[in-house]
């Protein structure tokens, strides 16, 4: 079983992923990509904005989103 940065054990499911994302960026995990339904965008912002220092971005599927993702990951 893996451990999150605070040393607590975690599994490999949604709850664990949400907890890890909720910790924000770290040396091991400086970037993240989360896909949420449109009706959950507000909740995602409320949950993650502080931890990710306002870097949460909304991308709508399409060519522009693909270019933005490529730009971010080529960094």
PDB file of N, CA and C in Angstrom:
ATOM      1  N   UNK A   1       0.842  -1.170   0.000  1.00  0.00           N
ATOM      2  CA  UNK A   1       0.000   0.000   0.000  1.00  0.00           C
ATOM      3  C   UNK A   1       0.894   1.243   0.000  1.00  0.00           C
ATOM      4  N   UNK A   2       0.581   2.194  -0.854  1.00  0.00           N
ATOM      5  CA  UNK A   2       1.352   3.429  -0.953  1.00  0.00           C
ATOM      6  C   UNK A   2       0.973   4.377   0.174  1.00  0.00           C
ATOM      7  N   UNK A   3       1.734   5.436   0.326  1.00  0.00           N
ATOM      8  CA  UNK A   3       1.455   6.424   1.367  1.00  0.00           C
ATOM      9  C   UNK A   3       1.445   7.818   0.759  1.00  0.00           C
ATOM     10  N   UNK A   4       0.539   8.665   1.260  1.00  0.00           N
ATOM     11  CA  UNK A   4       0.517  10.060   0.832  1.00  0.00           C
ATOM     12  C   UNK A   4       1.612  10.797   1.579  1.00  0.00           C
ATOM     13  N   UNK A   5       1.835  12.045   1.255  1.00  0.00           N
ATOM     14  CA  UNK A   5       2.966  12.781   1.809  1.00  0.00           C
ATOM     15  C   UNK A   5       2.942  12.897   3.332  1.00  0.00           C
ATOM     16  N   UNK A   6       1.768  12.797   3.959  1.00  0.00           N
ATOM     17  CA  UNK A   6       1.730  12.875   5.420  1.00  0.00           C
ATOM     18  C   UNK A   6       1.995  11.510   6.066  1.00  0.00           C
ATOM     19  N   UNK A   7       2.282  10.490   5.257  1.00  0.00           N
ATOM     20  CA  UNK A   7       2.604   9.170   5.766  1.00  0.00           C
ATOM     21  C   UNK A   7       1.408   8.267   5.973  1.00  0.00           C
ATOM     22  N   UNK A   8       0.200   8.785   5.782  1.00  0.00           N
ATOM     23  CA  UNK A   8      -1.002   7.972   5.970  1.00  0.00           C
ATOM     24  C   UNK A   8      -1.142   6.977   4.823  1.00  0.00           C
ATOM     25  N   UNK A   9      -1.532   5.743   5.117  1.00  0.00           N
ATOM     26  CA  UNK A   9      -1.709   4.770   4.031  1.00  0.00           C
ATOM     27  C   UNK A   9      -2.864   5.165   3.137  1.00  0.00           C
ATOM     28  N   UNK A  10      -2.778   4.793   1.897  1.00  0.00           N
ATOM     29  CA  UNK A  10      -3.871   5.056   0.956  1.00  0.00           C
ATOM     30  C   UNK A  10      -4.014   3.871   0.026  1.00  0.00           C
ATOM     31  N   UNK A  11      -5.202   3.717  -0.521  1.00  0.00           N
ATOM     32  CA  UNK A  11      -5.459   2.661  -1.484  1.00  0.00           C
ATOM     33  C   UNK A  11      -5.205   3.172  -2.887  1.00  0.00           C
ATOM     34  N   UNK A  12      -5.981   2.694  -3.821  1.00  0.00           N
ATOM     35  CA  UNK A  12      -5.790   3.108  -5.200  1.00  0.00           C
ATOM     36  C   UNK A  12      -7.120   3.476  -5.831  1.00  0.00           C
ATOM     37  N   UNK A  13      -7.940   4.241  -5.126  1.00  0.00           N
ATOM     38  CA  UNK A  13      -9.261   4.580  -5.635  1.00  0.00           C
ATOM     39  C   UNK A  13      -9.499   6.072  -5.691  1.00  0.00           C
ATOM     40  N   UNK A  14     -10.741   6.424  -5.955  1.00  0.00           N
ATOM     41  CA  UNK A  14     -11.129   7.818  -6.098  1.00  0.00           C
ATOM     42  C   UNK A  14     -10.844   8.629  -4.839  1.00  0.00           C
ATOM     43  N   UNK A  15     -11.158   8.087  -3.681  1.00  0.00           N
ATOM     44  CA  UNK A  15     -10.933   8.814  -2.438  1.00  0.00           C
ATOM     45  C   UNK A  15      -9.448   9.122  -2.276  1.00  0.00           C
ATOM     46  N   UNK A  16      -8.592   8.174  -2.582  1.00  0.00           N
ATOM     47  CA  UNK A  16      -7.153   8.380  -2.484  1.00  0.00           C
ATOM     48  C   UNK A  16      -6.676   9.421  -3.483  1.00  0.00           C
ATOM     49  N   UNK A  17      -7.209   9.353  -4.687  1.00  0.00           N
ATOM     50  CA  UNK A  17      -6.832  10.330  -5.713  1.00  0.00           C
ATOM     51  C   UNK A  17      -7.254  11.735  -5.292  1.00  0.00           C
ATOM     52  N   UNK A  18      -8.459  11.866  -4.763  1.00  0.00           N
ATOM     53  CA  UNK A  18      -8.942  13.168  -4.319  1.00  0.00           C
ATOM     54  C   UNK A  18      -8.077  13.701  -3.173  1.00  0.00           C
ATOM     55  N   UNK A  19      -7.690  12.849  -2.269  1.00  0.00           N
ATOM     56  CA  UNK A  19      -6.844  13.260  -1.152  1.00  0.00           C
ATOM     57  C   UNK A  19      -5.492  13.740  -1.668  1.00  0.00           C
ATOM     58  N   UNK A  20      -4.900  12.992  -2.580  1.00  0.00           N
ATOM     59  CA  UNK A  20      -3.600  13.356  -3.138  1.00  0.00           C
ATOM     60  C   UNK A  20      -3.693  14.683  -3.893  1.00  0.00           C
ATOM     61  N   UNK A  21      -4.719  14.852  -4.719  1.00  0.00           N
ATOM     62  CA  UNK A  21      -4.915  16.122  -5.430  1.00  0.00           C
ATOM     63  C   UNK A  21      -5.148  17.271  -4.451  1.00  0.00           C
ATOM     64  N   UNK A  22      -5.862  16.982  -3.375  1.00  0.00           N
ATOM     65  CA  UNK A  22      -6.159  17.999  -2.380  1.00  0.00           C
ATOM     66  C   UNK A  22      -4.939  18.510  -1.647  1.00  0.00           C
ATOM     67  N   UNK A  23      -3.836  17.774  -1.695  1.00  0.00           N
ATOM     68  CA  UNK A  23      -2.591  18.220  -1.072  1.00  0.00           C
ATOM     69  C   UNK A  23      -1.888  19.272  -1.913  1.00  0.00           C
ATOM     70  N   UNK A  24      -2.263  19.399  -3.176  1.00  0.00           N
ATOM     71  CA  UNK A  24      -1.626  20.369  -4.059  1.00  0.00           C
ATOM     72  C   UNK A  24      -0.313  19.834  -4.605  1.00  0.00           C
ATOM     73  N   UNK A  25       0.421  20.688  -5.314  1.00  0.00           N
ATOM     74  CA  UNK A  25       1.668  20.248  -5.948  1.00  0.00           C
ATOM     75  C   UNK A  25       2.739  19.909  -4.910  1.00  0.00           C
ATOM     76  N   UNK A  26       3.614  19.000  -5.285  1.00  0.00           N
ATOM     77  CA  UNK A  26       4.749  18.625  -4.438  1.00  0.00           C
ATOM     78  C   UNK A  26       5.948  18.388  -5.346  1.00  0.00           C
ATOM     79  N   UNK A  27       7.089  18.143  -4.764  1.00  0.00           N
ATOM     80  CA  UNK A  27       8.272  17.856  -5.580  1.00  0.00           C
ATOM     81  C   UNK A  27       8.057  16.622  -6.451  1.00  0.00           C
ATOM     82  N   UNK A  28       7.388  15.624  -5.906  1.00  0.00           N
ATOM     83  CA  UNK A  28       7.137  14.391  -6.666  1.00  0.00           C
ATOM     84  C   UNK A  28       6.001  14.545  -7.668  1.00  0.00           C
ATOM     85  N   UNK A  29       5.019  15.370  -7.351  1.00  0.00           N
ATOM     86  CA  UNK A  29       3.828  15.527  -8.184  1.00  0.00           C
ATOM     87  C   UNK A  29       3.562  17.013  -8.430  1.00  0.00           C
ATOM     88  N   UNK A  30       4.357  17.672  -9.276  1.00  0.00           N
ATOM     89  CA  UNK A  30       4.172  19.112  -9.470  1.00  0.00           C
ATOM     90  C   UNK A  30       2.977  19.478 -10.358  1.00  0.00           C
ATOM     91  N   UNK A  31       2.442  18.505 -11.092  1.00  0.00           N
ATOM     92  CA  UNK A  31       1.342  18.764 -12.017  1.00  0.00           C
ATOM     93  C   UNK A  31       0.261  17.707 -11.843  1.00  0.00           C
ATOM     94  N   UNK A  32      -0.949  18.054 -12.238  1.00  0.00           N
ATOM     95  CA  UNK A  32      -2.045  17.089 -12.190  1.00  0.00           C
ATOM     96  C   UNK A  32      -3.060  17.427 -13.271  1.00  0.00           C
ATOM     97  N   UNK A  33      -3.754  16.414 -13.708  1.00  0.00           N
ATOM     98  CA  UNK A  33      -4.844  16.589 -14.660  1.00  0.00           C
ATOM     99  C   UNK A  33      -6.042  15.847 -14.096  1.00  0.00           C
ATOM    100  N   UNK A  34      -7.119  16.575 -13.848  1.00  0.00           N
ATOM    101  CA  UNK A  34      -8.344  15.976 -13.345  1.00  0.00           C
ATOM    102  C   UNK A  34      -9.459  16.283 -14.332  1.00  0.00           C
ATOM    103  N   UNK A  35     -10.210  15.294 -14.680  1.00  0.00           N
ATOM    104  CA  UNK A  35     -11.330  15.470 -15.607  1.00  0.00           C
ATOM    105  C   UNK A  35     -12.608  15.354 -14.805  1.00  0.00           C
ATOM    106  N   UNK A  36     -13.428  16.410 -14.852  1.00  0.00           N
ATOM    107  CA  UNK A  36     -14.689  16.411 -14.126  1.00  0.00           C
ATOM    108  C   UNK A  36     -15.822  16.815 -15.060  1.00  0.00           C
ATOM    109  N   UNK A  37     -17.009  16.387 -14.709  1.00  0.00           N
ATOM    110  CA  UNK A  37     -18.189  16.801 -15.477  1.00  0.00           C
ATOM    111  C   UNK A  37     -18.416  18.300 -15.309  1.00  0.00           C
ATOM    112  N   UNK A  38     -19.049  18.897 -16.293  1.00  0.00           N
ATOM    113  CA  UNK A  38     -19.303  20.339 -16.281  1.00  0.00           C
ATOM    114  C   UNK A  38     -20.037  20.768 -15.004  1.00  0.00           C
ATOM    115  N   UNK A  39     -20.983  19.945 -14.538  1.00  0.00           N
ATOM    116  CA  UNK A  39     -21.743  20.334 -13.351  1.00  0.00           C
ATOM    117  C   UNK A  39     -20.932  20.226 -12.061  1.00  0.00           C
ATOM    118  N   UNK A  40     -19.719  19.698 -12.124  1.00  0.00           N
ATOM    119  CA  UNK A  40     -18.856  19.602 -10.948  1.00  0.00           C
ATOM    120  C   UNK A  40     -17.713  20.618 -10.967  1.00  0.00           C
ATOM    121  N   UNK A  41     -17.674  21.492 -11.980  1.00  0.00           N
ATOM    122  CA  UNK A  41     -16.579  22.464 -12.079  1.00  0.00           C
ATOM    123  C   UNK A  41     -16.495  23.368 -10.857  1.00  0.00           C
ATOM    124  N   UNK A  42     -17.623  23.876 -10.409  1.00  0.00           N
ATOM    125  CA  UNK A  42     -17.626  24.752  -9.240  1.00  0.00           C
ATOM    126  C   UNK A  42     -17.091  24.050  -8.007  1.00  0.00           C
ATOM    127  N   UNK A  43     -17.514  22.822  -7.794  1.00  0.00           N
ATOM    128  CA  UNK A  43     -17.040  22.046  -6.646  1.00  0.00           C
ATOM    129  C   UNK A  43     -15.549  21.762  -6.762  1.00  0.00           C
ATOM    130  N   UNK A  44     -15.080  21.471  -7.966  1.00  0.00           N
ATOM    131  CA  UNK A  44     -13.649  21.214  -8.173  1.00  0.00           C
ATOM    132  C   UNK A  44     -12.839  22.463  -7.842  1.00  0.00           C
ATOM    133  N   UNK A  45     -13.312  23.610  -8.293  1.00  0.00           N
ATOM    134  CA  UNK A  45     -12.609  24.857  -7.956  1.00  0.00           C
ATOM    135  C   UNK A  45     -12.583  25.084  -6.452  1.00  0.00           C
ATOM    136  N   UNK A  46     -13.709  24.929  -5.791  1.00  0.00           N
ATOM    137  CA  UNK A  46     -13.759  25.137  -4.343  1.00  0.00           C
ATOM    138  C   UNK A  46     -12.829  24.174  -3.614  1.00  0.00           C
ATOM    139  N   UNK A  47     -12.749  22.955  -4.095  1.00  0.00           N
ATOM    140  CA  UNK A  47     -11.957  21.930  -3.422  1.00  0.00           C
ATOM    141  C   UNK A  47     -10.455  22.077  -3.670  1.00  0.00           C
ATOM    142  N   UNK A  48     -10.064  22.488  -4.888  1.00  0.00           N
ATOM    143  CA  UNK A  48      -8.653  22.445  -5.262  1.00  0.00           C
ATOM    144  C   UNK A  48      -7.953  23.793  -5.431  1.00  0.00           C
ATOM    145  N   UNK A  49      -8.677  24.888  -5.607  1.00  0.00           N
ATOM    146  CA  UNK A  49      -8.032  26.176  -5.902  1.00  0.00           C
ATOM    147  C   UNK A  49      -6.976  26.584  -4.874  1.00  0.00           C
ATOM    148  N   UNK A  50      -7.295  26.502  -3.596  1.00  0.00           N
ATOM    149  CA  UNK A  50      -6.322  26.927  -2.577  1.00  0.00           C
ATOM    150  C   UNK A  50      -5.062  26.072  -2.615  1.00  0.00           C
ATOM    151  N   UNK A  51      -5.236  24.752  -2.650  1.00  0.00           N
ATOM    152  CA  UNK A  51      -4.078  23.850  -2.638  1.00  0.00           C
ATOM    153  C   UNK A  51      -3.212  24.020  -3.876  1.00  0.00           C
ATOM    154  N   UNK A  52      -3.838  24.323  -5.010  1.00  0.00           N
ATOM    155  CA  UNK A  52      -3.094  24.468  -6.267  1.00  0.00           C
ATOM    156  C   UNK A  52      -2.831  25.928  -6.587  1.00  0.00           C
ATOM    157  N   UNK A  53      -2.941  26.786  -5.593  1.00  0.00           N
ATOM    158  CA  UNK A  53      -2.595  28.206  -5.685  1.00  0.00           C
ATOM    159  C   UNK A  53      -3.255  28.900  -6.873  1.00  0.00           C
ATOM    160  N   UNK A  54      -4.522  28.597  -7.104  1.00  0.00           N
ATOM    161  CA  UNK A  54      -5.262  29.255  -8.176  1.00  0.00           C
ATOM    162  C   UNK A  54      -4.904  28.813  -9.580  1.00  0.00           C
ATOM    163  N   UNK A  55      -4.174  27.714  -9.709  1.00  0.00           N
ATOM    164  CA  UNK A  55      -3.750  27.234 -11.018  1.00  0.00           C
ATOM    165  C   UNK A  55      -4.740  26.267 -11.660  1.00  0.00           C
ATOM    166  N   UNK A  56      -5.916  26.095 -11.061  1.00  0.00           N
ATOM    167  CA  UNK A  56      -6.926  25.215 -11.644  1.00  0.00           C
ATOM    168  C   UNK A  56      -7.457  25.885 -12.903  1.00  0.00           C
ATOM    169  N   UNK A  57      -7.429  25.159 -14.012  1.00  0.00           N
ATOM    170  CA  UNK A  57      -7.884  25.697 -15.293  1.00  0.00           C
ATOM    171  C   UNK A  57      -8.981  24.825 -15.870  1.00  0.00           C
ATOM    172  N   UNK A  58      -9.891  25.467 -16.566  1.00  0.00           N
ATOM    173  CA  UNK A  58     -10.960  24.740 -17.246  1.00  0.00           C
ATOM    174  C   UNK A  58     -10.615  24.652 -18.728  1.00  0.00           C
ATOM    175  N   UNK A  59     -10.671  23.453 -19.261  1.00  0.00           N
ATOM    176  CA  UNK A  59     -10.442  23.236 -20.686  1.00  0.00           C
ATOM    177  C   UNK A  59     -11.650  22.523 -21.270  1.00  0.00           C
ATOM    178  N   UNK A  60     -12.149  23.026 -22.372  1.00  0.00           N
ATOM    179  CA  UNK A  60     -13.259  22.397 -23.078  1.00  0.00           C
ATOM    180  C   UNK A  60     -12.659  21.510 -24.155  1.00  0.00           C
ATOM    181  N   UNK A  61     -13.107  20.249 -24.283  1.00  0.00           N
ATOM    182  CA  UNK A  61     -12.527  19.353 -25.289  1.00  0.00           C
ATOM    183  C   UNK A  61     -12.488  19.987 -26.678  1.00  0.00           C
ATOM    184  N   UNK A  62     -11.379  19.800 -27.358  1.00  0.00           N
ATOM    185  CA  UNK A  62     -11.225  20.337 -28.709  1.00  0.00           C
ATOM    186  C   UNK A  62      -9.764  20.634 -29.008  1.00  0.00           C
ATOM    187  N   UNK A  63      -9.521  21.218 -30.160  1.00  0.00           N
ATOM    188  CA  UNK A  63      -8.157  21.495 -30.602  1.00  0.00           C
ATOM    189  C   UNK A  63      -7.441  22.484 -29.678  1.00  0.00           C
ATOM    190  N   UNK A  64      -8.139  23.509 -29.222  1.00  0.00           N
ATOM    191  CA  UNK A  64      -7.514  24.496 -28.346  1.00  0.00           C
ATOM    192  C   UNK A  64      -7.073  23.853 -27.030  1.00  0.00           C
ATOM    193  N   UNK A  65      -7.890  22.975 -26.482  1.00  0.00           N
ATOM    194  CA  UNK A  65      -7.531  22.276 -25.244  1.00  0.00           C
ATOM    195  C   UNK A  65      -6.314  21.378 -25.471  1.00  0.00           C
ATOM    196  N   UNK A  66      -6.265  20.705 -26.604  1.00  0.00           N
ATOM    197  CA  UNK A  66      -5.123  19.840 -26.902  1.00  0.00           C
ATOM    198  C   UNK A  66      -3.840  20.668 -26.983  1.00  0.00           C
ATOM    199  N   UNK A  67      -3.910  21.816 -27.648  1.00  0.00           N
ATOM    200  CA  UNK A  67      -2.724  22.681 -27.742  1.00  0.00           C
ATOM    201  C   UNK A  67      -2.288  23.163 -26.362  1.00  0.00           C
ATOM    202  N   UNK A  68      -3.260  23.552 -25.531  1.00  0.00           N
ATOM    203  CA  UNK A  68      -2.942  24.019 -24.181  1.00  0.00           C
ATOM    204  C   UNK A  68      -2.302  22.908 -23.354  1.00  0.00           C
ATOM    205  N   UNK A  69      -2.834  21.707 -23.407  1.00  0.00           N
ATOM    206  CA  UNK A  69      -2.256  20.578 -22.668  1.00  0.00           C
ATOM    207  C   UNK A  69      -0.839  20.283 -23.150  1.00  0.00           C
ATOM    208  N   UNK A  70      -0.630  20.288 -24.439  1.00  0.00           N
ATOM    209  CA  UNK A  70       0.723  20.058 -24.983  1.00  0.00           C
ATOM    210  C   UNK A  70       1.679  21.139 -24.499  1.00  0.00           C
ATOM    211  N   UNK A  71       1.234  22.387 -24.523  1.00  0.00           N
ATOM    212  CA  UNK A  71       2.074  23.493 -24.072  1.00  0.00           C
ATOM    213  C   UNK A  71       2.442  23.331 -22.601  1.00  0.00           C
ATOM    214  N   UNK A  72       1.460  22.970 -21.785  1.00  0.00           N
ATOM    215  CA  UNK A  72       1.707  22.816 -20.347  1.00  0.00           C
ATOM    216  C   UNK A  72       2.678  21.683 -20.060  1.00  0.00           C
ATOM    217  N   UNK A  73       2.554  20.584 -20.759  1.00  0.00           N
ATOM    218  CA  UNK A  73       3.397  19.420 -20.462  1.00  0.00           C
ATOM    219  C   UNK A  73       4.745  19.456 -21.148  1.00  0.00           C
ATOM    220  N   UNK A  74       4.923  20.336 -22.110  1.00  0.00           N
ATOM    221  CA  UNK A  74       6.249  20.495 -22.727  1.00  0.00           C
ATOM    222  C   UNK A  74       7.100  21.426 -21.884  1.00  0.00           C
ATOM    223  N   UNK A  75       6.422  22.246 -21.105  1.00  0.00           N
ATOM    224  CA  UNK A  75       6.920  23.196 -20.187  1.00  0.00           C
ATOM    225  C   UNK A  75       8.275  23.555 -20.045  1.00  0.00           C
TER     226      UNK A  75
END
